[in-house]
C-alpha atoms as a PDB file:
ATOM      1  CA  MET A   1     168.709  75.788 221.913  1.00  0.00           C
ATOM      2  CA  LEU A   2     171.069  77.842 220.169  1.00  0.00           C
ATOM      3  CA  LYS A   3     174.370  75.997 219.334  1.00  0.00           C
ATOM      4  CA  LEU A   4     177.133  78.430 219.766  1.00  0.00           C
ATOM      5  CA  ARG A   5     180.846  78.087 218.362  1.00  0.00           C
ATOM      6  CA  GLY A   6     182.455  81.343 218.764  1.00  0.00           C
ATOM      7  CA  LEU A   7     183.708  83.066 222.029  1.00  0.00           C
ATOM      8  CA  TYR A   8     181.667  85.337 223.828  1.00  0.00           C
ATOM      9  CA  TYR A   9     181.690  88.468 226.310  1.00  0.00           C
ATOM     10  CA  ILE A  10     178.895  89.502 228.469  1.00  0.00           C
ATOM     11  CA  THR A  11     178.545  93.299 229.034  1.00  0.00           C
ATOM     12  CA  HIS A  12     176.002  96.300 229.148  1.00  0.00           C
ATOM     13  CA  ILE A  13     175.288  98.272 226.253  1.00  0.00           C
ATOM     14  CA  ASP A  14     176.533 101.528 227.347  1.00  0.00           C
ATOM     15  CA  ASN A  15     180.021  99.729 227.120  1.00  0.00           C
ATOM     16  CA  LEU A  16     179.484  98.930 223.071  1.00  0.00           C
ATOM     17  CA  ALA A  17     180.643 101.959 221.701  1.00  0.00           C
ATOM     18  CA  SER A  18     184.096 101.802 223.642  1.00  0.00           C
ATOM     19  CA  ILE A  19     184.638  97.978 223.035  1.00  0.00           C
ATOM     20  CA  LEU A  20     184.026  98.561 219.291  1.00  0.00           C
ATOM     21  CA  GLU A  21     187.015 101.230 219.379  1.00  0.00           C
ATOM     22  CA  ARG A  22     189.479  99.726 222.113  1.00  0.00           C
ATOM     23  CA  GLY A  23     188.518  96.005 222.133  1.00  0.00           C
ATOM     24  CA  VAL A  24     187.492  93.908 225.018  1.00  0.00           C
ATOM     25  CA  LEU A  25     190.107  94.860 227.817  1.00  0.00           C
ATOM     26  CA  SER A  26     191.122  93.352 230.874  1.00  0.00           C
ATOM     27  CA  HIS A  27     190.014  94.693 234.029  1.00  0.00           C
ATOM     28  CA  SER A  28     193.861  95.670 234.680  1.00  0.00           C
ATOM     29  CA  LEU A  29     193.619  97.825 231.448  1.00  0.00           C
ATOM     30  CA  VAL A  30     190.311  99.494 232.575  1.00  0.00           C
ATOM     31  CA  GLU A  31     191.821 100.420 235.704  1.00  0.00           C
ATOM     32  CA  ARG A  32     195.152 101.607 234.707  1.00  0.00           C
ATOM     33  CA  ASP A  33     193.775 104.063 231.518  1.00  0.00           C
ATOM     34  CA  LYS A  34     190.655 105.132 233.906  1.00  0.00           C
ATOM     35  CA  ILE A  35     188.173 104.165 231.167  1.00  0.00           C
ATOM     36  CA  GLU A  36     184.577 104.827 232.087  1.00  0.00           C
ATOM     37  CA  HIS A  37     182.547 101.851 232.094  1.00  0.00           C
ATOM     38  CA  THR A  38     179.094 100.596 233.375  1.00  0.00           C
ATOM     39  CA  ALA A  39     179.838  97.693 235.566  1.00  0.00           C
ATOM     40  CA  ILE A  40     177.252  94.614 235.484  1.00  0.00           C
ATOM     41  CA  TYR A  41     179.496  92.078 237.513  1.00  0.00           C
ATOM     42  CA  ASP A  42     179.620  91.243 241.332  1.00  0.00           C
ATOM     43  CA  ARG A  43     182.413  93.305 242.712  1.00  0.00           C
ATOM     44  CA  GLU A  44     183.257  90.834 245.405  1.00  0.00           C
ATOM     45  CA  ILE A  45     183.952  88.192 242.434  1.00  0.00           C
ATOM     46  CA  ILE A  46     186.070  90.585 240.678  1.00  0.00           C
ATOM     47  CA  ALA A  47     188.050  91.532 243.858  1.00  0.00           C
ATOM     48  CA  MET A  48     188.629  87.668 244.271  1.00  0.00           C
ATOM     49  CA  ARG A  49     189.880  86.982 240.667  1.00  0.00           C
ATOM     50  CA  LYS A  50     192.608  89.523 241.270  1.00  0.00           C
ATOM     51  CA  GLY A  51     194.371  87.041 243.567  1.00  0.00           C
ATOM     52  CA  ILE A  52     194.066  84.224 241.108  1.00  0.00           C
ATOM     53  CA  THR A  53     196.977  83.500 238.974  1.00  0.00           C
ATOM     54  CA  THR A  54     197.945  81.489 235.725  1.00  0.00           C
ATOM     55  CA  PRO A  55     200.506  79.163 235.400  1.00  0.00           C
ATOM     56  CA  ASP A  56     202.821  81.986 234.327  1.00  0.00           C
ATOM     57  CA  GLY A  57     202.024  84.040 237.340  1.00  0.00           C
ATOM     58  CA  ARG A  58     199.865  86.728 236.219  1.00  0.00           C
ATOM     59  CA  SER A  59     196.767  87.616 237.853  1.00  0.00           C
ATOM     60  CA  LEU A  60     193.228  86.956 236.111  1.00  0.00           C
ATOM     61  CA  TRP A  61     192.932  90.745 236.037  1.00  0.00           C
ATOM     62  CA  ASP A  62     195.446  91.261 233.414  1.00  0.00           C
ATOM     63  CA  PHE A  63     193.332  89.065 231.234  1.00  0.00           C
ATOM     64  CA  ALA A  64     190.277  89.735 229.194  1.00  0.00           C
ATOM     65  CA  ASN A  65     188.145  86.983 229.637  1.00  0.00           C
ATOM     66  CA  LEU A  66     185.656  85.245 227.077  1.00  0.00           C
ATOM     67  CA  TYR A  67     183.166  82.584 227.481  1.00  0.00           C
ATOM     68  CA  PHE A  68     182.529  79.509 225.550  1.00  0.00           C
ATOM     69  CA  GLN A  69     179.066  79.422 226.655  1.00  0.00           C
ATOM     70  CA  PRO A  70     177.744  82.932 227.595  1.00  0.00           C
ATOM     71  CA  ARG A  71     174.370  81.407 228.851  1.00  0.00           C
ATOM     72  CA  ASN A  72     175.371  80.833 232.111  1.00  0.00           C
ATOM     73  CA  ALA A  73     175.483  81.610 236.215  1.00  0.00           C
ATOM     74  CA  MET A  74     177.002  84.935 235.876  1.00  0.00           C
ATOM     75  CA  LEU A  75     174.387  85.901 232.642  1.00  0.00           C
ATOM     76  CA  TYR A  76     171.357  84.821 234.951  1.00  0.00           C
ATOM     77  CA  ARG A  77     172.710  86.836 237.943  1.00  0.00           C
ATOM     78  CA  VAL A  78     173.105  90.063 235.525  1.00  0.00           C
ATOM     79  CA  VAL A  79     169.917  89.522 233.887  1.00  0.00           C
ATOM     80  CA  PHE A  80     167.773  89.160 237.065  1.00  0.00           C
ATOM     81  CA  PHE A  81     169.921  90.337 240.032  1.00  0.00           C
ATOM     82  CA  SER A  82     172.275  93.263 238.932  1.00  0.00           C
ATOM     83  CA  GLY A  83     169.652  95.977 238.923  1.00  0.00           C
ATOM     84  CA  LYS A  84     170.236  97.033 235.548  1.00  0.00           C
ATOM     85  CA  ASP A  85     167.570  96.973 233.049  1.00  0.00           C
ATOM     86  CA  ARG A  86     167.834  93.144 231.011  1.00  0.00           C
ATOM     87  CA  ASN A  87     167.134  95.297 227.883  1.00  0.00           C
ATOM     88  CA  ASP A  88     170.540  96.801 228.077  1.00  0.00           C
ATOM     89  CA  VAL A  89     172.491  93.336 228.648  1.00  0.00           C
ATOM     90  CA  ILE A  90     174.204  92.111 225.555  1.00  0.00           C
ATOM     91  CA  ILE A  91     176.373  89.742 224.406  1.00  0.00           C
ATOM     92  CA  ILE A  92     179.201  90.095 222.295  1.00  0.00           C
ATOM     93  CA  GLY A  93     180.256  87.208 219.817  1.00  0.00           C
ATOM     94  CA  THR A  94     183.933  86.868 218.853  1.00  0.00           C
ATOM     95  CA  LYS A  95     185.670  84.471 216.219  1.00  0.00           C
ATOM     96  CA  ALA A  96     186.796  81.320 217.422  1.00  0.00           C
ATOM     97  CA  SER A  97     189.838  82.123 215.530  1.00  0.00           C
ATOM     98  CA  VAL A  98     191.254  84.064 218.769  1.00  0.00           C
ATOM     99  CA  LEU A  99     191.777  80.505 220.169  1.00  0.00           C
ATOM    100  CA  ASN A 100     194.804  80.064 217.387  1.00  0.00           C
ATOM    101  CA  ARG A 101     196.912  82.676 219.569  1.00  0.00           C
ATOM    102  CA  GLU A 102     199.855  81.226 221.373  1.00  0.00           C
ATOM    103  CA  ASP A 103     199.637  83.357 224.416  1.00  0.00           C
ATOM    104  CA  ILE A 104     196.138  82.431 225.794  1.00  0.00           C
ATOM    105  CA  PHE A 105     195.009  80.201 228.577  1.00  0.00           C
ATOM    106  CA  ILE A 106     192.029  77.733 228.407  1.00  0.00           C
ATOM    107  CA  THR A 107     190.141  77.211 231.747  1.00  0.00           C
ATOM    108  CA  THR A 108     188.153  74.062 232.244  1.00  0.00           C
ATOM    109  CA  GLY A 109     185.522  75.974 234.165  1.00  0.00           C
ATOM    110  CA  ASN A 110     185.193  79.393 235.949  1.00  0.00           C
ATOM    111  CA  ALA A 111     188.571  80.458 236.210  1.00  0.00           C
ATOM    112  CA  ALA A 112     187.889  81.839 239.799  1.00  0.00           C
ATOM    113  CA  SER A 113     186.472  78.113 241.029  1.00  0.00           C
ATOM    114  CA  TYR A 114     188.256  75.275 242.918  1.00  0.00           C
ATOM    115  CA  GLY A 115     188.647  72.508 240.531  1.00  0.00           C
ATOM    116  CA  THR A 116     189.157  74.375 237.494  1.00  0.00           C
ATOM    117  CA  GLN A 117     192.558  73.953 235.601  1.00  0.00           C
ATOM    118  CA  ILE A 118     193.779  77.026 234.009  1.00  0.00           C
ATOM    119  CA  LEU A 119     195.989  75.773 230.959  1.00  0.00           C
ATOM    120  CA  PRO A 120     198.016  76.969 228.157  1.00  0.00           C
ATOM    121  CA  ILE A 121     196.692  76.750 224.797  1.00  0.00           C
ATOM    122  CA  LYS A 122     198.961  74.115 224.044  1.00  0.00           C
ATOM    123  CA  GLU A 123     197.746  71.906 226.446  1.00  0.00           C
ATOM    124  CA  GLY A 124     194.065  73.548 226.503  1.00  0.00           C
ATOM    125  CA  LYS A 125     193.429  72.960 222.844  1.00  0.00           C
ATOM    126  CA  LYS A 126     193.273  69.283 223.257  1.00  0.00           C
ATOM    127  CA  LEU A 127     190.373  69.784 225.498  1.00  0.00           C
ATOM    128  CA  ILE A 128     188.274  72.141 223.485  1.00  0.00           C
ATOM    129  CA  LYS A 129     186.056  69.679 221.854  1.00  0.00           C
ATOM    130  CA  SER A 130     185.282  68.091 225.493  1.00  0.00           C
ATOM    131  CA  ILE A 131     184.805  71.688 226.818  1.00  0.00           C
ATOM    132  CA  ARG A 132     182.111  72.201 223.806  1.00  0.00           C
ATOM    133  CA  GLU A 133     180.367  69.185 224.767  1.00  0.00           C
ATOM    134  CA  GLU A 134     180.156  70.135 228.661  1.00  0.00           C
ATOM    135  CA  VAL A 135     178.712  73.841 227.811  1.00  0.00           C
ATOM    136  CA  ASP A 136     176.023  72.678 225.472  1.00  0.00           C
ATOM    137  CA  LYS A 137     173.572  72.037 228.309  1.00  0.00           C
ATOM    138  CA  GLU A 138     170.122  74.028 229.046  1.00  0.00           C
ATOM    139  CA  TRP A 139     170.702  74.162 232.808  1.00  0.00           C
ATOM    140  CA  TRP A 140     173.178  73.403 235.623  1.00  0.00           C
ATOM    141  CA  ALA A 141     173.739  72.600 238.917  1.00  0.00           C
ATOM    142  CA  TYR A 142     176.333  73.111 241.429  1.00  0.00           C
ATOM    143  CA  GLU A 143     176.634  69.538 242.937  1.00  0.00           C
ATOM    144  CA  ASP A 144     177.697  67.798 239.577  1.00  0.00           C
ATOM    145  CA  GLY A 145     180.134  70.618 238.677  1.00  0.00           C
ATOM    146  CA  SER A 146     177.936  71.850 235.467  1.00  0.00           C
ATOM    147  CA  LYS A 147     177.469  75.333 236.998  1.00  0.00           C
ATOM    148  CA  ARG A 148     181.395  75.636 237.172  1.00  0.00           C
ATOM    149  CA  LYS A 149     182.200  73.747 233.883  1.00  0.00           C
ATOM    150  CA  LEU A 150     179.328  75.748 232.018  1.00  0.00           C
ATOM    151  CA  MET A 151     181.714  78.878 232.577  1.00  0.00           C
ATOM    152  CA  ALA A 152     184.761  77.883 230.817  1.00  0.00           C
ATOM    153  CA  GLU A 153     186.760  80.684 229.837  1.00  0.00           C
ATOM    154  CA  CYS A 154     189.262  81.694 227.340  1.00  0.00           C
ATOM    155  CA  LEU A 155     191.735  84.029 228.833  1.00  0.00           C
ATOM    156  CA  ILE A 156     193.526  86.568 226.657  1.00  0.00           C
ATOM    157  CA  PRO A 157     196.243  88.898 227.654  1.00  0.00           C
ATOM    158  CA  GLU A 158     195.321  92.364 227.826  1.00  0.00           C
ATOM    159  CA  LYS A 159     192.781  92.707 225.167  1.00  0.00           C
ATOM    160  CA  VAL A 160     190.938  90.986 222.652  1.00  0.00           C
ATOM    161  CA  SER A 161     191.162  93.448 219.629  1.00  0.00           C
ATOM    162  CA  PRO A 162     188.066  94.801 217.971  1.00  0.00           C
ATOM    163  CA  ASN A 163     188.515  92.852 214.777  1.00  0.00           C
ATOM    164  CA  TYR A 164     187.897  89.764 216.465  1.00  0.00           C
ATOM    165  CA  ILE A 165     184.369  91.010 217.020  1.00  0.00           C
ATOM    166  CA  GLN A 166     181.620  89.271 214.435  1.00  0.00           C
ATOM    167  CA  GLU A 167     178.273  89.907 216.151  1.00  0.00           C
ATOM    168  CA  ILE A 168     176.149  90.874 218.607  1.00  0.00           C
ATOM    169  CA  TYR A 169     173.159  89.062 220.745  1.00  0.00           C
ATOM    170  CA  VAL A 170     170.471  91.101 222.412  1.00  0.00           C
ATOM    171  CA  PRO A 171     167.425  90.193 224.458  1.00  0.00           C
ATOM    172  CA  THR A 172     164.543  92.017 222.673  1.00  0.00           C
ATOM    173  CA  TRP A 173     163.574  93.944 219.463  1.00  0.00           C
ATOM    174  CA  LYS A 174     164.007  97.098 221.834  1.00  0.00           C
ATOM    175  CA  SER A 175     167.565  96.258 222.213  1.00  0.00           C
ATOM    176  CA  VAL A 176     168.286  95.720 218.532  1.00  0.00           C
ATOM    177  CA  GLU A 177     167.472  99.276 217.861  1.00  0.00           C
ATOM    178  CA  LYS A 178     169.725 100.947 220.624  1.00  0.00           C
ATOM    179  CA  VAL A 179     172.513  98.656 219.249  1.00  0.00           C
ATOM    180  CA  LYS A 180     171.806  99.459 215.568  1.00  0.00           C
ATOM    181  CA  ASN A 181     171.875 103.278 216.781  1.00  0.00           C
ATOM    182  CA  ILE A 182     175.134 102.882 218.362  1.00  0.00           C
ATOM    183  CA  LEU A 183     176.656 101.018 215.340  1.00  0.00           C
ATOM    184  CA  THR A 184     175.630 103.650 213.047  1.00  0.00           C
ATOM    185  CA  LYS A 185     177.171 106.312 214.928  1.00  0.00           C
ATOM    186  CA  VAL A 186     180.415 104.443 214.601  1.00  0.00           C
ATOM    187  CA  ASN A 187     180.049 103.459 211.271  1.00  0.00           C
ATOM    188  CA  ILE A 188     180.359  99.726 211.783  1.00  0.00           C
ATOM    189  CA  ARG A 189     178.281  97.116 210.361  1.00  0.00           C
ATOM    190  CA  LEU A 190     177.781  94.050 212.419  1.00  0.00           C
ATOM    191  CA  PRO A 191     174.940  91.620 212.866  1.00  0.00           C
ATOM    192  CA  VAL A 192     172.603  92.106 215.587  1.00  0.00           C
ATOM    193  CA  ILE A 193     170.672  89.086 216.680  1.00  0.00           C
ATOM    194  CA  PRO A 194     167.606  89.150 218.968  1.00  0.00           C
ATOM    195  CA  GLU A 195     167.628  85.952 220.983  1.00  0.00           C
ATOM    196  CA  PRO A 196     165.568  85.927 224.126  1.00  0.00           C
ATOM    197  CA  GLU A 197     166.083  82.312 225.033  1.00  0.00           C
ATOM    198  CA  LEU A 198     169.754  83.065 225.285  1.00  0.00           C
ATOM    199  CA  PHE A 199     168.952  85.515 228.132  1.00  0.00           C
ATOM    200  CA  PHE A 200     166.515  82.986 229.872  1.00  0.00           C
ATOM    201  CA  LEU A 201     163.539  85.107 228.623  1.00  0.00           C
ATOM    202  CA  PRO A 202     160.470  83.941 226.804  1.00  0.00           C
ATOM    203  CA  THR A 203     160.470  83.927 222.872  1.00  0.00           C
ATOM    204  CA  ARG A 204     157.006  84.716 222.741  1.00  0.00           C
ATOM    205  CA  GLU A 205     154.163  86.144 224.964  1.00  0.00           C
ATOM    206  CA  LYS A 206     150.401  86.825 223.989  1.00  0.00           C
ATOM    207  CA  PRO A 207     147.690  87.805 226.813  1.00  0.00           C
ATOM    208  CA  LEU A 208     144.837  85.728 226.612  1.00  0.00           C
ATOM    209  CA  THR A 209     142.867  87.577 229.644  1.00  0.00           C
ATOM    210  CA  ASP A 210     143.900  89.921 232.044  1.00  0.00           C
ATOM    211  CA  ASN A 211     145.254  87.371 234.351  1.00  0.00           C
ATOM    212  CA  LEU A 212     146.277  84.447 231.627  1.00  0.00           C
ATOM    213  CA  HIS A 213     149.111  84.686 229.225  1.00  0.00           C
ATOM    214  CA  LEU A 214     150.273  82.351 226.762  1.00  0.00           C
ATOM    215  CA  VAL A 215     154.091  82.193 227.067  1.00  0.00           C
ATOM    216  CA  GLU A 216     156.752  80.336 224.696  1.00  0.00           C
ATOM    217  CA  GLY A 217     159.786  79.309 226.174  1.00  0.00           C
ATOM    218  CA  ASP A 218     161.748  77.542 228.757  1.00  0.00           C
ATOM    219  CA  MET A 219     159.299  76.725 231.406  1.00  0.00           C
ATOM    220  CA  PHE A 220     161.790  75.294 233.806  1.00  0.00           C
ATOM    221  CA  LEU A 221     163.836  78.735 233.817  1.00  0.00           C
ATOM    222  CA  SER A 222     160.369  80.953 233.891  1.00  0.00           C
ATOM    223  CA  ARG A 223     160.972  81.894 237.419  1.00  0.00           C
ATOM    224  CA  MET A 224     157.010  81.332 238.075  1.00  0.00           C
ATOM    225  CA  GLN A 225     156.165  79.952 241.609  1.00  0.00           C
ATOM    226  CA  THR A 226     154.385  76.919 240.003  1.00  0.00           C
ATOM    227  CA  LEU A 227     155.093  74.669 237.311  1.00  0.00           C
ATOM    228  CA  THR A 228     152.587  71.802 236.366  1.00  0.00           C
ATOM    229  CA  ILE A 229     153.866  68.775 234.604  1.00  0.00           C
ATOM    230  CA  SER A 230     151.906  65.783 233.442  1.00  0.00           C
ATOM    231  CA  VAL A 231     153.112  62.366 234.417  1.00  0.00           C
ATOM    232  CA  ASN A 232     151.829  58.752 234.809  1.00  0.00           C
ATOM    233  CA  ILE A 233     151.023  57.043 237.867  1.00  0.00           C
ATOM    234  CA  VAL A 234     153.365  54.315 237.623  1.00  0.00           C
ATOM    235  CA  GLY A 235     156.737  55.745 238.439  1.00  0.00           C
ATOM    236  CA  VAL A 236     158.140  56.266 235.064  1.00  0.00           C
ATOM    237  CA  MET A 237     159.159  59.698 234.025  1.00  0.00           C
ATOM    238  CA  GLY A 238     159.723  59.347 230.403  1.00  0.00           C
ATOM    239  CA  ARG A 239     160.464  61.918 227.802  1.00  0.00           C
ATOM    240  CA  GLY A 240     159.608  65.475 227.246  1.00  0.00           C
ATOM    241  CA  LEU A 241     158.828  67.657 230.093  1.00  0.00           C
ATOM    242  CA  ALA A 242     158.850  64.847 232.784  1.00  0.00           C
ATOM    243  CA  SER A 243     162.393  63.761 231.471  1.00  0.00           C
ATOM    244  CA  ARG A 244     163.617  67.498 231.866  1.00  0.00           C
ATOM    245  CA  ALA A 245     162.103  67.237 235.658  1.00  0.00           C
ATOM    246  CA  LYS A 246     163.420  64.087 236.446  1.00  0.00           C
ATOM    247  CA  TYR A 247     167.023  65.321 235.933  1.00  0.00           C
ATOM    248  CA  GLN A 248     166.753  68.941 236.768  1.00  0.00           C
ATOM    249  CA  PHE A 249     164.982  68.318 240.025  1.00  0.00           C
ATOM    250  CA  PRO A 250     165.893  65.097 241.293  1.00  0.00           C
ATOM    251  CA  ASP A 251     164.414  65.622 244.466  1.00  0.00           C
ATOM    252  CA  VAL A 252     160.937  66.018 242.680  1.00  0.00           C
ATOM    253  CA  TYR A 253     161.446  62.310 240.741  1.00  0.00           C
ATOM    254  CA  VAL A 254     162.297  60.723 244.043  1.00  0.00           C
ATOM    255  CA  PHE A 255     158.950  62.265 245.575  1.00  0.00           C
ATOM    256  CA  TYR A 256     157.154  61.313 242.758  1.00  0.00           C
ATOM    257  CA  GLN A 257     158.219  57.909 242.877  1.00  0.00           C
ATOM    258  CA  ASP A 258     157.564  57.681 246.533  1.00  0.00           C
ATOM    259  CA  LEU A 259     153.887  59.075 245.831  1.00  0.00           C
ATOM    260  CA  CYS A 260     153.197  56.031 243.081  1.00  0.00           C
ATOM    261  CA  LYS A 261     154.515  53.354 245.344  1.00  0.00           C
ATOM    262  CA  SER A 262     152.180  54.611 247.957  1.00  0.00           C
ATOM    263  CA  GLY A 263     149.134  54.919 245.762  1.00  0.00           C
ATOM    264  CA  LYS A 264     148.922  58.615 246.553  1.00  0.00           C
ATOM    265  CA  LEU A 265     149.147  59.837 243.345  1.00  0.00           C
ATOM    266  CA  LYS A 266     146.068  59.122 241.536  1.00  0.00           C
ATOM    267  CA  MET A 267     144.810  60.027 237.590  1.00  0.00           C
ATOM    268  CA  GLY A 268     143.013  63.153 237.392  1.00  0.00           C
ATOM    269  CA  LYS A 269     143.937  64.679 240.881  1.00  0.00           C
ATOM    270  CA  PRO A 270     146.763  67.459 240.864  1.00  0.00           C
ATOM    271  CA  TYR A 271     149.551  66.878 243.790  1.00  0.00           C
ATOM    272  CA  LEU A 272     151.206  69.812 244.845  1.00  0.00           C
ATOM    273  CA  TYR A 273     155.045  69.763 245.788  1.00  0.00           C
ATOM    274  CA  LYS A 274     156.810  72.521 247.727  1.00  0.00           C
ATOM    275  CA  ARG A 275     160.547  72.557 247.262  1.00  0.00           C
ATOM    276  CA  GLU A 276     162.395  74.529 250.007  1.00  0.00           C
ATOM    277  CA  SER A 277     165.226  76.250 247.737  1.00  0.00           C
ATOM    278  CA  SER A 278     164.362  78.319 245.007  1.00  0.00           C
ATOM    279  CA  LEU A 279     165.347  78.092 241.303  1.00  0.00           C
ATOM    280  CA  ASP A 280     167.103  81.285 241.703  1.00  0.00           C
ATOM    281  CA  PHE A 281     169.435  80.103 244.533  1.00  0.00           C
ATOM    282  CA  ILE A 282     170.358  76.951 242.573  1.00  0.00           C
ATOM    283  CA  LEU A 283     171.171  78.930 239.075  1.00  0.00           C
ATOM    284  CA  VAL A 284     173.182  81.943 240.725  1.00  0.00           C
END
């Protein structure tokens, strides 16, 4: 998975020209100046953030928020459940030097979640290394807090100036052309990077027959109904896919061990395990 070391803002491509001109704005500024924009966020969540305050008493609405890791639950929700064309979802990468500002706050997870600390940069700077380590994950879960921690934020009063913007990530080559056209119109040169895996999409897909496709990507985030994993029959899930399944879906691992102990799992004979909760329910 791509190692990210900047700070990131998830938005709709329709907002790009305005962001390149004005910067990434706080929700309060957008409301005050009546700036036209295409919203991709959950309105209930944004409304809830208004009532949450930083240690100096200001609302989260008064801050532009950047993620340490954009490949998180919010992006998953936007890509698959916002109703927007996934080709129009983009991630704006900003310079990590924004962390040198003295008026910002660092959060240890989603700022709107219980259990998250909101710290002035003098205190938060001590945690940046550990936050970077926490967000370098391919998947997350609610139970262990990784879903919340993966959404750690940098809160910047009012706005992030356009001069901090250094790159733009997009999900497909179709998106590349759309973004480049916008950059040309405003006479700005920035790297436009197609990174489908960042957006939970396959990196490559090749049709073999009408009903069979060869797909390269993260199968555990594929949203397919059935995943096939080869394992031994002695109750040990080692490396590779089996190891990923063991940690991401511990219920599968427990059931697999029970099958091995009871002798029900046989070489060459597939066993179908049906999970009650969908992956979508877990990830959003």
